[in-house]
Amino acid sequence: MMSRGRWGGLPATLLRKVTVVENLEATGQLPVHKLTFANPTKEPSLGIRLDYGEVVKVEVPGFKPKSYSMSGEDREAGTFDVTVKVYPGGRCSGYLDSIDIGESIHVFGKGGKERNAGSHVGAVAFGVGITEALPVCKAELRKGAEHVHLVWGARTFGDMFWGDELEALERQYKDRFTLTRVLSREDRDGCLRGRVDRGVLERAFGGWRGEAGARFLFVGTKEMMRGAEASLEKVGFAWPGSALLYKP
């Protein structure tokens, strides 16, 4: 019988750790790791829906459980991925970074979201928020959305990852998927320079005004999401009425 954690979580063993963004002190670039864990249940998954942006709750010793987006899963192999950005002095990210292959953490699923189906889906990911936004975008394309536009904001291009996966998505859904990268601290061909503000949202989604099926998702810190939601309303989309996902 598996021992449960303080918050009722079950032990998930770390199988692999892959660095997707290197740590570069000279530029302030922080490391990002993809951690692959064995599913602790006998079911094919933790019951978390990636297409609904549901999260894995990680029990952090001496602290409350921390929410992390499940960035992928392999039900046949019985594994799931959590992609983590490691912050200096970060209590939660530092804990996950300290786990060695073969060691376990206690986890449980957290759901409860509902979905407003939409013909046009706009997703805005701030930094590592792409780990939730991209799986949702892929799911919406599979569900038949007419168009999905993903706006990804980061400090520099080096802070971004999953380039091959994004390029594959652009090829597969060339008429239905658009990716806009926004860099706040770097000029780069093919990317906008600045922050994800009203102007960026107008450029990305302004053409959808009057489209009753336009739905939106924002993933980032609470401050970033609130700011983006306010900007979206100025572009002409009511919030939270135009939200793709919501808690009833």
C-alpha atoms as a PDB file:
ATOM      1  CA  MET A   1       0.000   0.000   0.000  1.00  0.00           C
ATOM      2  CA  MET A   2       1.441   3.373  -1.015  1.00  0.00           C
ATOM      3  CA  SER A   3       1.946   5.923   1.726  1.00  0.00           C
ATOM      4  CA  ARG A   4       0.126   9.187   1.228  1.00  0.00           C
ATOM      5  CA  GLY A   5       1.617  12.604   1.842  1.00  0.00           C
ATOM      6  CA  ARG A   6       0.428  15.182   4.332  1.00  0.00           C
ATOM      7  CA  TRP A   7      -2.152  16.506   1.860  1.00  0.00           C
ATOM      8  CA  GLY A   8      -3.213  13.082   0.608  1.00  0.00           C
ATOM      9  CA  GLY A   9      -0.889  12.952  -2.396  1.00  0.00           C
ATOM     10  CA  LEU A  10       0.542   9.717  -3.763  1.00  0.00           C
ATOM     11  CA  PRO A  11       4.266   9.112  -4.434  1.00  0.00           C
ATOM     12  CA  ALA A  12       5.425   9.702  -8.020  1.00  0.00           C
ATOM     13  CA  THR A  13       8.964   8.576  -8.866  1.00  0.00           C
ATOM     14  CA  LEU A  14      11.231  10.769 -11.000  1.00  0.00           C
ATOM     15  CA  LEU A  15      12.347   8.838 -14.090  1.00  0.00           C
ATOM     16  CA  ARG A  16      14.022  11.482 -16.252  1.00  0.00           C
ATOM     17  CA  LYS A  17      15.240  15.063 -16.048  1.00  0.00           C
ATOM     18  CA  VAL A  18      15.941  17.018 -19.236  1.00  0.00           C
ATOM     19  CA  THR A  19      17.164  20.619 -19.301  1.00  0.00           C
ATOM     20  CA  VAL A  20      15.286  22.577 -21.987  1.00  0.00           C
ATOM     21  CA  VAL A  21      16.702  26.014 -21.103  1.00  0.00           C
ATOM     22  CA  GLU A  22      20.242  26.399 -19.797  1.00  0.00           C
ATOM     23  CA  ASN A  23      21.208  28.583 -16.847  1.00  0.00           C
ATOM     24  CA  LEU A  24      23.162  31.636 -18.107  1.00  0.00           C
ATOM     25  CA  GLU A  25      24.128  33.954 -15.261  1.00  0.00           C
ATOM     26  CA  ALA A  26      25.570  36.558 -17.634  1.00  0.00           C
ATOM     27  CA  THR A  27      22.169  37.250 -19.183  1.00  0.00           C
ATOM     28  CA  GLY A  28      19.976  36.301 -16.229  1.00  0.00           C
ATOM     29  CA  GLN A  29      18.563  33.338 -18.155  1.00  0.00           C
ATOM     30  CA  LEU A  30      17.143  30.838 -15.646  1.00  0.00           C
ATOM     31  CA  PRO A  31      17.136  27.071 -16.155  1.00  0.00           C
ATOM     32  CA  VAL A  32      14.020  25.164 -17.177  1.00  0.00           C
ATOM     33  CA  HIS A  33      13.803  21.393 -16.693  1.00  0.00           C
ATOM     34  CA  LYS A  34      11.334  18.833 -17.970  1.00  0.00           C
ATOM     35  CA  LEU A  35      10.760  16.242 -15.247  1.00  0.00           C
ATOM     36  CA  THR A  36       9.165  12.913 -16.144  1.00  0.00           C
ATOM     37  CA  PHE A  37       7.463  11.013 -13.317  1.00  0.00           C
ATOM     38  CA  ALA A  38       5.882   7.586 -13.055  1.00  0.00           C
ATOM     39  CA  ASN A  39       2.139   7.742 -12.544  1.00  0.00           C
ATOM     40  CA  PRO A  40       1.462   6.687  -8.923  1.00  0.00           C
ATOM     41  CA  THR A  41      -2.027   5.321  -9.634  1.00  0.00           C
ATOM     42  CA  LYS A  42      -3.205   2.139 -11.298  1.00  0.00           C
ATOM     43  CA  GLU A  43      -5.264   4.228 -13.700  1.00  0.00           C
ATOM     44  CA  PRO A  44      -3.771   5.316 -17.072  1.00  0.00           C
ATOM     45  CA  SER A  45      -3.470   8.891 -15.816  1.00  0.00           C
ATOM     46  CA  LEU A  46      -3.873  11.124 -12.768  1.00  0.00           C
ATOM     47  CA  GLY A  47      -7.252  12.159 -14.130  1.00  0.00           C
ATOM     48  CA  ILE A  48      -5.905  15.586 -15.081  1.00  0.00           C
ATOM     49  CA  ARG A  49      -7.169  17.083 -18.331  1.00  0.00           C
ATOM     50  CA  LEU A  50      -4.434  18.874 -20.253  1.00  0.00           C
ATOM     51  CA  ASP A  51      -7.047  20.307 -22.618  1.00  0.00           C
ATOM     52  CA  TYR A  52      -8.683  22.045 -19.644  1.00  0.00           C
ATOM     53  CA  GLY A  53      -5.458  23.426 -18.200  1.00  0.00           C
ATOM     54  CA  GLU A  54      -5.820  21.354 -15.031  1.00  0.00           C
ATOM     55  CA  VAL A  55      -2.812  21.093 -12.727  1.00  0.00           C
ATOM     56  CA  VAL A  56      -0.671  18.731 -10.699  1.00  0.00           C
ATOM     57  CA  LYS A  57      -0.467  19.640  -7.029  1.00  0.00           C
ATOM     58  CA  VAL A  58       3.027  18.990  -5.661  1.00  0.00           C
ATOM     59  CA  GLU A  59       3.404  18.608  -1.906  1.00  0.00           C
ATOM     60  CA  VAL A  60       6.382  20.749  -0.912  1.00  0.00           C
ATOM     61  CA  PRO A  61       7.861  19.768   2.492  1.00  0.00           C
ATOM     62  CA  GLY A  62       7.152  22.381   5.156  1.00  0.00           C
ATOM     63  CA  PHE A  63       4.980  24.352   2.769  1.00  0.00           C
ATOM     64  CA  LYS A  64       1.559  24.231   1.129  1.00  0.00           C
ATOM     65  CA  PRO A  65       1.022  22.273  -2.114  1.00  0.00           C
ATOM     66  CA  LYS A  66       2.166  24.085  -5.247  1.00  0.00           C
ATOM     67  CA  SER A  67       0.299  23.969  -8.568  1.00  0.00           C
ATOM     68  CA  TYR A  68       2.204  22.994 -11.706  1.00  0.00           C
ATOM     69  CA  SER A  69       0.833  22.511 -15.191  1.00  0.00           C
ATOM     70  CA  MET A  70       1.175  18.988 -16.547  1.00  0.00           C
ATOM     71  CA  SER A  71       3.119  19.652 -19.730  1.00  0.00           C
ATOM     72  CA  GLY A  72       2.611  16.179 -21.160  1.00  0.00           C
ATOM     73  CA  GLU A  73       1.714  12.587 -20.424  1.00  0.00           C
ATOM     74  CA  ASP A  74       2.162   9.134 -21.917  1.00  0.00           C
ATOM     75  CA  ARG A  75      -0.729   6.988 -20.792  1.00  0.00           C
ATOM     76  CA  GLU A  76       0.694   3.834 -22.358  1.00  0.00           C
ATOM     77  CA  ALA A  77       3.966   4.273 -20.469  1.00  0.00           C
ATOM     78  CA  GLY A  78       2.165   5.472 -17.328  1.00  0.00           C
ATOM     79  CA  THR A  79       4.191   8.698 -17.072  1.00  0.00           C
ATOM     80  CA  PHE A  80       3.567  12.436 -16.919  1.00  0.00           C
ATOM     81  CA  ASP A  81       5.750  15.526 -17.365  1.00  0.00           C
ATOM     82  CA  VAL A  82       6.105  18.692 -15.327  1.00  0.00           C
ATOM     83  CA  THR A  83       8.231  21.465 -16.853  1.00  0.00           C
ATOM     84  CA  VAL A  84       9.695  23.750 -14.204  1.00  0.00           C
ATOM     85  CA  LYS A  85      11.565  27.055 -14.284  1.00  0.00           C
ATOM     86  CA  VAL A  86      14.017  27.177 -11.369  1.00  0.00           C
ATOM     87  CA  TYR A  87      14.065  30.556  -9.612  1.00  0.00           C
ATOM     88  CA  PRO A  88      16.885  31.708  -7.295  1.00  0.00           C
ATOM     89  CA  GLY A  89      15.756  30.885  -3.764  1.00  0.00           C
ATOM     90  CA  GLY A  90      12.528  29.423  -5.121  1.00  0.00           C
ATOM     91  CA  ARG A  91      11.103  27.197  -2.449  1.00  0.00           C
ATOM     92  CA  CYS A  92       8.918  25.111  -4.719  1.00  0.00           C
ATOM     93  CA  SER A  93      11.001  25.090  -7.900  1.00  0.00           C
ATOM     94  CA  GLY A  94      14.123  24.513  -5.819  1.00  0.00           C
ATOM     95  CA  TYR A  95      12.505  21.479  -4.190  1.00  0.00           C
ATOM     96  CA  LEU A  96      11.683  19.905  -7.547  1.00  0.00           C
ATOM     97  CA  ASP A  97      15.163  20.722  -8.837  1.00  0.00           C
ATOM     98  CA  SER A  98      16.665  18.888  -5.850  1.00  0.00           C
ATOM     99  CA  ILE A  99      14.904  15.594  -6.559  1.00  0.00           C
ATOM    100  CA  ASP A 100      17.222  12.901  -7.929  1.00  0.00           C
ATOM    101  CA  ILE A 101      16.323  10.173 -10.411  1.00  0.00           C
ATOM    102  CA  GLY A 102      14.621   7.355  -8.492  1.00  0.00           C
ATOM    103  CA  GLU A 103      13.341   9.623  -5.716  1.00  0.00           C
ATOM    104  CA  SER A 104       9.662  10.399  -5.263  1.00  0.00           C
ATOM    105  CA  ILE A 105       7.427  13.379  -4.599  1.00  0.00           C
ATOM    106  CA  HIS A 106       3.808  13.346  -3.442  1.00  0.00           C
ATOM    107  CA  VAL A 107       1.258  14.610  -5.976  1.00  0.00           C
ATOM    108  CA  PHE A 108      -2.455  14.812  -6.565  1.00  0.00           C
ATOM    109  CA  GLY A 109      -4.636  16.188  -9.343  1.00  0.00           C
ATOM    110  CA  LYS A 110      -6.651  19.405  -9.219  1.00  0.00           C
ATOM    111  CA  GLY A 111      -9.468  19.955 -11.698  1.00  0.00           C
ATOM    112  CA  GLY A 112     -12.884  21.539 -11.689  1.00  0.00           C
ATOM    113  CA  LYS A 113     -12.668  23.759 -14.766  1.00  0.00           C
ATOM    114  CA  GLU A 114     -15.335  24.049 -17.443  1.00  0.00           C
ATOM    115  CA  ARG A 115     -14.944  24.995 -21.107  1.00  0.00           C
ATOM    116  CA  ASN A 116     -16.673  27.513 -23.357  1.00  0.00           C
ATOM    117  CA  ALA A 117     -16.331  26.083 -26.847  1.00  0.00           C
ATOM    118  CA  GLY A 118     -15.096  28.603 -29.380  1.00  0.00           C
ATOM    119  CA  SER A 119     -14.484  28.781 -33.125  1.00  0.00           C
ATOM    120  CA  HIS A 120     -11.533  31.155 -32.576  1.00  0.00           C
ATOM    121  CA  VAL A 121      -9.150  30.616 -29.656  1.00  0.00           C
ATOM    122  CA  GLY A 122      -6.574  33.148 -28.521  1.00  0.00           C
ATOM    123  CA  ALA A 123      -4.025  32.057 -25.929  1.00  0.00           C
ATOM    124  CA  VAL A 124      -1.490  34.306 -24.230  1.00  0.00           C
ATOM    125  CA  ALA A 125       1.385  32.651 -22.368  1.00  0.00           C
ATOM    126  CA  PHE A 126       3.768  34.610 -20.171  1.00  0.00           C
ATOM    127  CA  GLY A 127       7.143  32.886 -19.858  1.00  0.00           C
ATOM    128  CA  VAL A 128       6.888  29.347 -18.559  1.00  0.00           C
ATOM    129  CA  GLY A 129       3.104  29.649 -18.803  1.00  0.00           C
ATOM    130  CA  ILE A 130       3.588  28.046 -22.222  1.00  0.00           C
ATOM    131  CA  THR A 131       3.576  24.680 -20.417  1.00  0.00           C
ATOM    132  CA  GLU A 132      -0.169  25.065 -19.896  1.00  0.00           C
ATOM    133  CA  ALA A 133      -1.068  27.138 -22.936  1.00  0.00           C
ATOM    134  CA  LEU A 134       0.489  24.934 -25.617  1.00  0.00           C
ATOM    135  CA  PRO A 135      -1.292  21.678 -24.629  1.00  0.00           C
ATOM    136  CA  VAL A 136      -4.597  23.588 -24.564  1.00  0.00           C
ATOM    137  CA  CYS A 137      -3.911  25.068 -28.013  1.00  0.00           C
ATOM    138  CA  LYS A 138      -3.093  21.650 -29.449  1.00  0.00           C
ATOM    139  CA  ALA A 139      -6.295  20.247 -27.966  1.00  0.00           C
ATOM    140  CA  GLU A 140      -8.404  23.074 -29.397  1.00  0.00           C
ATOM    141  CA  LEU A 141      -6.971  22.436 -32.865  1.00  0.00           C
ATOM    142  CA  ARG A 142      -7.835  18.748 -32.548  1.00  0.00           C
ATOM    143  CA  LYS A 143     -11.345  19.711 -31.448  1.00  0.00           C
ATOM    144  CA  GLY A 144     -11.840  21.631 -34.666  1.00  0.00           C
ATOM    145  CA  ALA A 145     -11.307  25.308 -33.832  1.00  0.00           C
ATOM    146  CA  GLU A 146     -11.269  27.385 -37.006  1.00  0.00           C
ATOM    147  CA  HIS A 147      -8.236  29.316 -35.829  1.00  0.00           C
ATOM    148  CA  VAL A 148      -5.912  29.238 -32.811  1.00  0.00           C
ATOM    149  CA  HIS A 149      -3.515  32.133 -32.201  1.00  0.00           C
ATOM    150  CA  LEU A 150      -0.854  31.680 -29.513  1.00  0.00           C
ATOM    151  CA  VAL A 151       0.935  34.771 -28.222  1.00  0.00           C
ATOM    152  CA  TRP A 152       4.037  33.926 -26.166  1.00  0.00           C
ATOM    153  CA  GLY A 153       5.812  36.644 -24.209  1.00  0.00           C
ATOM    154  CA  ALA A 154       9.282  36.210 -22.686  1.00  0.00           C
ATOM    155  CA  ARG A 155      12.339  38.286 -21.866  1.00  0.00           C
ATOM    156  CA  THR A 156      14.634  36.863 -24.553  1.00  0.00           C
ATOM    157  CA  PHE A 157      14.482  34.222 -27.259  1.00  0.00           C
ATOM    158  CA  GLY A 158      16.813  32.082 -25.165  1.00  0.00           C
ATOM    159  CA  ASP A 159      14.111  31.847 -22.496  1.00  0.00           C
ATOM    160  CA  MET A 160      11.864  30.070 -24.992  1.00  0.00           C
ATOM    161  CA  PHE A 161      11.812  26.342 -25.667  1.00  0.00           C
ATOM    162  CA  TRP A 162       9.823  23.643 -27.535  1.00  0.00           C
ATOM    163  CA  GLY A 163      10.824  25.276 -30.821  1.00  0.00           C
ATOM    164  CA  ASP A 164      10.643  22.033 -32.810  1.00  0.00           C
ATOM    165  CA  GLU A 165       7.190  21.236 -31.445  1.00  0.00           C
ATOM    166  CA  LEU A 166       5.891  24.697 -32.290  1.00  0.00           C
ATOM    167  CA  GLU A 167       7.314  24.542 -35.806  1.00  0.00           C
ATOM    168  CA  ALA A 168       5.683  21.145 -36.318  1.00  0.00           C
ATOM    169  CA  LEU A 169       2.361  22.584 -35.181  1.00  0.00           C
ATOM    170  CA  GLU A 170       2.707  25.487 -37.633  1.00  0.00           C
ATOM    171  CA  ARG A 171       3.352  23.032 -40.468  1.00  0.00           C
ATOM    172  CA  GLN A 172       0.511  20.696 -39.533  1.00  0.00           C
ATOM    173  CA  TYR A 173      -2.053  23.459 -39.071  1.00  0.00           C
ATOM    174  CA  LYS A 174      -0.596  26.117 -41.364  1.00  0.00           C
ATOM    175  CA  ASP A 175      -4.004  27.624 -42.140  1.00  0.00           C
ATOM    176  CA  ARG A 176      -5.406  27.348 -38.611  1.00  0.00           C
ATOM    177  CA  PHE A 177      -2.547  28.050 -36.198  1.00  0.00           C
ATOM    178  CA  THR A 178      -0.612  31.281 -35.690  1.00  0.00           C
ATOM    179  CA  LEU A 179       2.280  31.874 -33.297  1.00  0.00           C
ATOM    180  CA  THR A 180       3.387  35.343 -32.218  1.00  0.00           C
ATOM    181  CA  ARG A 181       6.507  35.676 -30.089  1.00  0.00           C
ATOM    182  CA  VAL A 182       7.006  38.842 -28.031  1.00  0.00           C
ATOM    183  CA  LEU A 183      10.392  39.628 -26.464  1.00  0.00           C
ATOM    184  CA  SER A 184      10.700  42.326 -23.818  1.00  0.00           C
ATOM    185  CA  ARG A 185      14.509  42.580 -23.762  1.00  0.00           C
ATOM    186  CA  GLU A 186      15.731  41.583 -27.182  1.00  0.00           C
ATOM    187  CA  ASP A 187      15.311  42.522 -30.839  1.00  0.00           C
ATOM    188  CA  ARG A 188      15.013  39.488 -33.069  1.00  0.00           C
ATOM    189  CA  ASP A 189      13.713  38.904 -36.582  1.00  0.00           C
ATOM    190  CA  GLY A 190      10.296  37.295 -36.563  1.00  0.00           C
ATOM    191  CA  CYS A 191       9.472  38.484 -33.024  1.00  0.00           C
ATOM    192  CA  LEU A 192       7.728  41.566 -31.697  1.00  0.00           C
ATOM    193  CA  ARG A 193       9.665  43.748 -29.248  1.00  0.00           C
ATOM    194  CA  GLY A 194       8.054  44.959 -26.023  1.00  0.00           C
ATOM    195  CA  ARG A 195       5.476  43.638 -23.637  1.00  0.00           C
ATOM    196  CA  VAL A 196       2.185  41.869 -24.201  1.00  0.00           C
ATOM    197  CA  ASP A 197       0.000  44.953 -23.978  1.00  0.00           C
ATOM    198  CA  ARG A 198      -3.136  46.317 -25.595  1.00  0.00           C
ATOM    199  CA  GLY A 199      -1.297  46.988 -28.838  1.00  0.00           C
ATOM    200  CA  VAL A 200      -0.100  43.393 -29.123  1.00  0.00           C
ATOM    201  CA  LEU A 201      -3.555  42.016 -28.354  1.00  0.00           C
ATOM    202  CA  GLU A 202      -5.128  44.390 -30.874  1.00  0.00           C
ATOM    203  CA  ARG A 203      -2.700  43.187 -33.517  1.00  0.00           C
ATOM    204  CA  ALA A 204      -3.310  39.526 -32.682  1.00  0.00           C
ATOM    205  CA  PHE A 205      -7.046  39.477 -32.016  1.00  0.00           C
ATOM    206  CA  GLY A 206      -8.541  42.762 -33.227  1.00  0.00           C
ATOM    207  CA  GLY A 207      -9.682  41.110 -36.439  1.00  0.00           C
ATOM    208  CA  TRP A 208     -11.902  38.795 -34.414  1.00  0.00           C
ATOM    209  CA  ARG A 209     -14.142  41.594 -33.115  1.00  0.00           C
ATOM    210  CA  GLY A 210     -17.751  40.658 -33.746  1.00  0.00           C
ATOM    211  CA  GLU A 211     -16.846  36.961 -33.798  1.00  0.00           C
ATOM    212  CA  ALA A 212     -19.256  35.393 -31.296  1.00  0.00           C
ATOM    213  CA  GLY A 213     -17.091  32.302 -30.993  1.00  0.00           C
ATOM    214  CA  ALA A 214     -13.898  34.079 -29.890  1.00  0.00           C
ATOM    215  CA  ARG A 215     -12.524  32.601 -26.657  1.00  0.00           C
ATOM    216  CA  PHE A 216      -9.341  33.444 -24.747  1.00  0.00           C
ATOM    217  CA  LEU A 217      -6.880  31.927 -22.286  1.00  0.00           C
ATOM    218  CA  PHE A 218      -4.190  33.727 -20.263  1.00  0.00           C
ATOM    219  CA  VAL A 219      -1.442  31.860 -18.393  1.00  0.00           C
ATOM    220  CA  GLY A 220       1.083  33.622 -16.155  1.00  0.00           C
ATOM    221  CA  THR A 221       1.277  35.321 -12.794  1.00  0.00           C
ATOM    222  CA  LYS A 222      -1.955  36.741 -11.412  1.00  0.00           C
ATOM    223  CA  GLU A 223      -0.722  40.291 -12.065  1.00  0.00           C
ATOM    224  CA  MET A 224       0.159  39.504 -15.677  1.00  0.00           C
ATOM    225  CA  MET A 225      -3.157  37.788 -16.322  1.00  0.00           C
ATOM    226  CA  ARG A 226      -5.223  40.580 -14.771  1.00  0.00           C
ATOM    227  CA  GLY A 227      -3.396  43.136 -16.890  1.00  0.00           C
ATOM    228  CA  ALA A 228      -3.951  41.118 -20.064  1.00  0.00           C
ATOM    229  CA  GLU A 229      -7.626  40.625 -19.267  1.00  0.00           C
ATOM    230  CA  ALA A 230      -8.070  44.394 -18.838  1.00  0.00           C
ATOM    231  CA  SER A 231      -6.270  45.015 -22.137  1.00  0.00           C
ATOM    232  CA  LEU A 232      -8.446  42.448 -23.897  1.00  0.00           C
ATOM    233  CA  GLU A 233     -11.578  44.281 -22.764  1.00  0.00           C
ATOM    234  CA  LYS A 234     -10.176  47.492 -24.278  1.00  0.00           C
ATOM    235  CA  VAL A 235      -9.690  45.622 -27.532  1.00  0.00           C
ATOM    236  CA  GLY A 236     -13.399  44.817 -27.464  1.00  0.00           C
ATOM    237  CA  PHE A 237     -13.874  41.422 -25.833  1.00  0.00           C
ATOM    238  CA  ALA A 238     -15.843  41.157 -22.588  1.00  0.00           C
ATOM    239  CA  TRP A 239     -14.158  39.361 -19.719  1.00  0.00           C
ATOM    240  CA  PRO A 240     -14.831  36.828 -18.244  1.00  0.00           C
ATOM    241  CA  GLY A 241     -17.579  36.214 -20.787  1.00  0.00           C
ATOM    242  CA  SER A 242     -15.034  35.420 -23.505  1.00  0.00           C
ATOM    243  CA  ALA A 243     -12.918  33.082 -21.358  1.00  0.00           C
ATOM    244  CA  LEU A 244     -12.170  29.684 -22.862  1.00  0.00           C
ATOM    245  CA  LEU A 245     -11.856  27.978 -19.467  1.00  0.00           C
ATOM    246  CA  TYR A 246     -13.524  28.933 -16.208  1.00  0.00           C
ATOM    247  CA  LYS A 247     -14.364  27.669 -12.764  1.00  0.00           C
ATOM    248  CA  PRO A 248     -18.141  27.383 -12.199  1.00  0.00           C
END
